[in-house]
């Protein structure tokens, strides 16, 4: 039972670290993102102060940074 509890504590710590990394990420044009309450993935097309434009292929949408989560970071050009 103690082993199970220690494994649970480890997982909680790992999840907390992963969440902190996501929260501190600075979004860039080209990142693949999705709305926190949605399933569809889109690409960031434009970023203005707090408003961003996401392209889903057939349509685009405007939202704020606090409502999205990162799916895949854009590759940097060398």
C-alpha atoms as a PDB file:
ATOM      1  CA  UNK A   1       0.000   0.000   0.000  1.00  0.00           C
ATOM      2  CA  UNK A   2       2.865   2.382   0.774  1.00  0.00           C
ATOM      3  CA  UNK A   3       4.370   1.714  -2.647  1.00  0.00           C
ATOM      4  CA  UNK A   4       1.087   2.643  -4.346  1.00  0.00           C
ATOM      5  CA  UNK A   5       0.905   5.888  -2.381  1.00  0.00           C
ATOM      6  CA  UNK A   6       4.477   6.817  -3.286  1.00  0.00           C
ATOM      7  CA  UNK A   7       3.775   6.162  -6.983  1.00  0.00           C
ATOM      8  CA  UNK A   8       0.676   8.367  -6.797  1.00  0.00           C
ATOM      9  CA  UNK A   9       2.694  11.161  -5.191  1.00  0.00           C
ATOM     10  CA  UNK A  10       5.325  10.877  -7.950  1.00  0.00           C
ATOM     11  CA  UNK A  11       2.640  11.135 -10.647  1.00  0.00           C
ATOM     12  CA  UNK A  12       1.106  14.188  -8.961  1.00  0.00           C
ATOM     13  CA  UNK A  13       4.506  15.897  -8.883  1.00  0.00           C
ATOM     14  CA  UNK A  14       5.144  15.086 -12.562  1.00  0.00           C
ATOM     15  CA  UNK A  15       1.707  16.395 -13.575  1.00  0.00           C
ATOM     16  CA  UNK A  16       2.287  19.597 -11.623  1.00  0.00           C
ATOM     17  CA  UNK A  17       5.650  20.166 -13.343  1.00  0.00           C
ATOM     18  CA  UNK A  18       4.123  19.475 -16.780  1.00  0.00           C
ATOM     19  CA  UNK A  19       1.289  21.932 -16.078  1.00  0.00           C
ATOM     20  CA  UNK A  20       3.764  24.628 -15.015  1.00  0.00           C
ATOM     21  CA  UNK A  21       5.681  24.178 -18.276  1.00  0.00           C
ATOM     22  CA  UNK A  22       2.455  24.524 -20.270  1.00  0.00           C
ATOM     23  CA  UNK A  23       1.414  27.624 -18.337  1.00  0.00           C
ATOM     24  CA  UNK A  24       4.775  29.344 -18.862  1.00  0.00           C
ATOM     25  CA  UNK A  25       4.925  28.579 -22.613  1.00  0.00           C
ATOM     26  CA  UNK A  26       4.937  31.595 -24.926  1.00  0.00           C
ATOM     27  CA  UNK A  27       2.760  30.917 -27.969  1.00  0.00           C
ATOM     28  CA  UNK A  28       4.138  31.638 -31.444  1.00  0.00           C
ATOM     29  CA  UNK A  29       2.669  31.838 -34.940  1.00  0.00           C
ATOM     30  CA  UNK A  30       2.622  28.320 -36.386  1.00  0.00           C
ATOM     31  CA  UNK A  31       1.994  26.476 -33.093  1.00  0.00           C
ATOM     32  CA  UNK A  32      -0.712  23.833 -33.214  1.00  0.00           C
ATOM     33  CA  UNK A  33      -3.256  24.521 -30.481  1.00  0.00           C
ATOM     34  CA  UNK A  34      -6.793  23.698 -29.456  1.00  0.00           C
ATOM     35  CA  UNK A  35      -9.404  25.360 -27.329  1.00  0.00           C
ATOM     36  CA  UNK A  36      -9.450  23.935 -23.806  1.00  0.00           C
ATOM     37  CA  UNK A  37     -13.102  22.993 -24.138  1.00  0.00           C
ATOM     38  CA  UNK A  38     -12.786  21.618 -27.686  1.00  0.00           C
ATOM     39  CA  UNK A  39     -11.210  18.771 -29.609  1.00  0.00           C
ATOM     40  CA  UNK A  40     -10.292  20.340 -32.951  1.00  0.00           C
ATOM     41  CA  UNK A  41      -6.639  21.273 -33.529  1.00  0.00           C
ATOM     42  CA  UNK A  42      -5.754  24.469 -35.346  1.00  0.00           C
ATOM     43  CA  UNK A  43      -2.721  26.560 -36.196  1.00  0.00           C
ATOM     44  CA  UNK A  44      -2.024  30.019 -34.816  1.00  0.00           C
ATOM     45  CA  UNK A  45      -2.105  32.467 -37.734  1.00  0.00           C
ATOM     46  CA  UNK A  46      -1.816  35.811 -35.944  1.00  0.00           C
ATOM     47  CA  UNK A  47      -1.168  37.083 -32.429  1.00  0.00           C
ATOM     48  CA  UNK A  48      -2.246  40.541 -31.248  1.00  0.00           C
ATOM     49  CA  UNK A  49      -1.634  41.540 -27.631  1.00  0.00           C
ATOM     50  CA  UNK A  50      -4.180  39.200 -25.970  1.00  0.00           C
ATOM     51  CA  UNK A  51      -6.192  38.130 -29.018  1.00  0.00           C
ATOM     52  CA  UNK A  52      -5.138  35.321 -31.354  1.00  0.00           C
ATOM     53  CA  UNK A  53      -6.477  34.005 -34.653  1.00  0.00           C
ATOM     54  CA  UNK A  54      -6.583  30.208 -35.073  1.00  0.00           C
ATOM     55  CA  UNK A  55      -6.947  28.586 -38.502  1.00  0.00           C
ATOM     56  CA  UNK A  56      -8.808  25.274 -38.504  1.00  0.00           C
ATOM     57  CA  UNK A  57      -8.614  24.745 -42.262  1.00  0.00           C
ATOM     58  CA  UNK A  58     -12.217  25.365 -43.262  1.00  0.00           C
ATOM     59  CA  UNK A  59     -12.720  28.243 -40.823  1.00  0.00           C
ATOM     60  CA  UNK A  60     -10.868  30.591 -38.480  1.00  0.00           C
ATOM     61  CA  UNK A  61     -11.700  31.774 -35.013  1.00  0.00           C
ATOM     62  CA  UNK A  62     -10.511  34.506 -32.662  1.00  0.00           C
ATOM     63  CA  UNK A  63      -9.959  33.829 -28.971  1.00  0.00           C
ATOM     64  CA  UNK A  64      -7.723  34.771 -26.051  1.00  0.00           C
ATOM     65  CA  UNK A  65      -4.539  33.107 -24.831  1.00  0.00           C
ATOM     66  CA  UNK A  66      -6.100  31.830 -21.609  1.00  0.00           C
ATOM     67  CA  UNK A  67      -8.610  29.693 -23.535  1.00  0.00           C
ATOM     68  CA  UNK A  68      -6.129  27.620 -25.557  1.00  0.00           C
ATOM     69  CA  UNK A  69      -3.663  24.839 -24.895  1.00  0.00           C
ATOM     70  CA  UNK A  70      -0.606  23.742 -26.826  1.00  0.00           C
ATOM     71  CA  UNK A  71      -0.759  20.576 -28.916  1.00  0.00           C
ATOM     72  CA  UNK A  72       2.515  20.796 -30.900  1.00  0.00           C
ATOM     73  CA  UNK A  73       5.054  23.608 -30.861  1.00  0.00           C
ATOM     74  CA  UNK A  74       6.115  25.084 -34.201  1.00  0.00           C
ATOM     75  CA  UNK A  75       9.541  24.040 -35.448  1.00  0.00           C
ATOM     76  CA  UNK A  76      12.109  26.798 -35.375  1.00  0.00           C
ATOM     77  CA  UNK A  77      13.812  27.830 -38.576  1.00  0.00           C
ATOM     78  CA  UNK A  78      17.593  27.523 -38.548  1.00  0.00           C
END
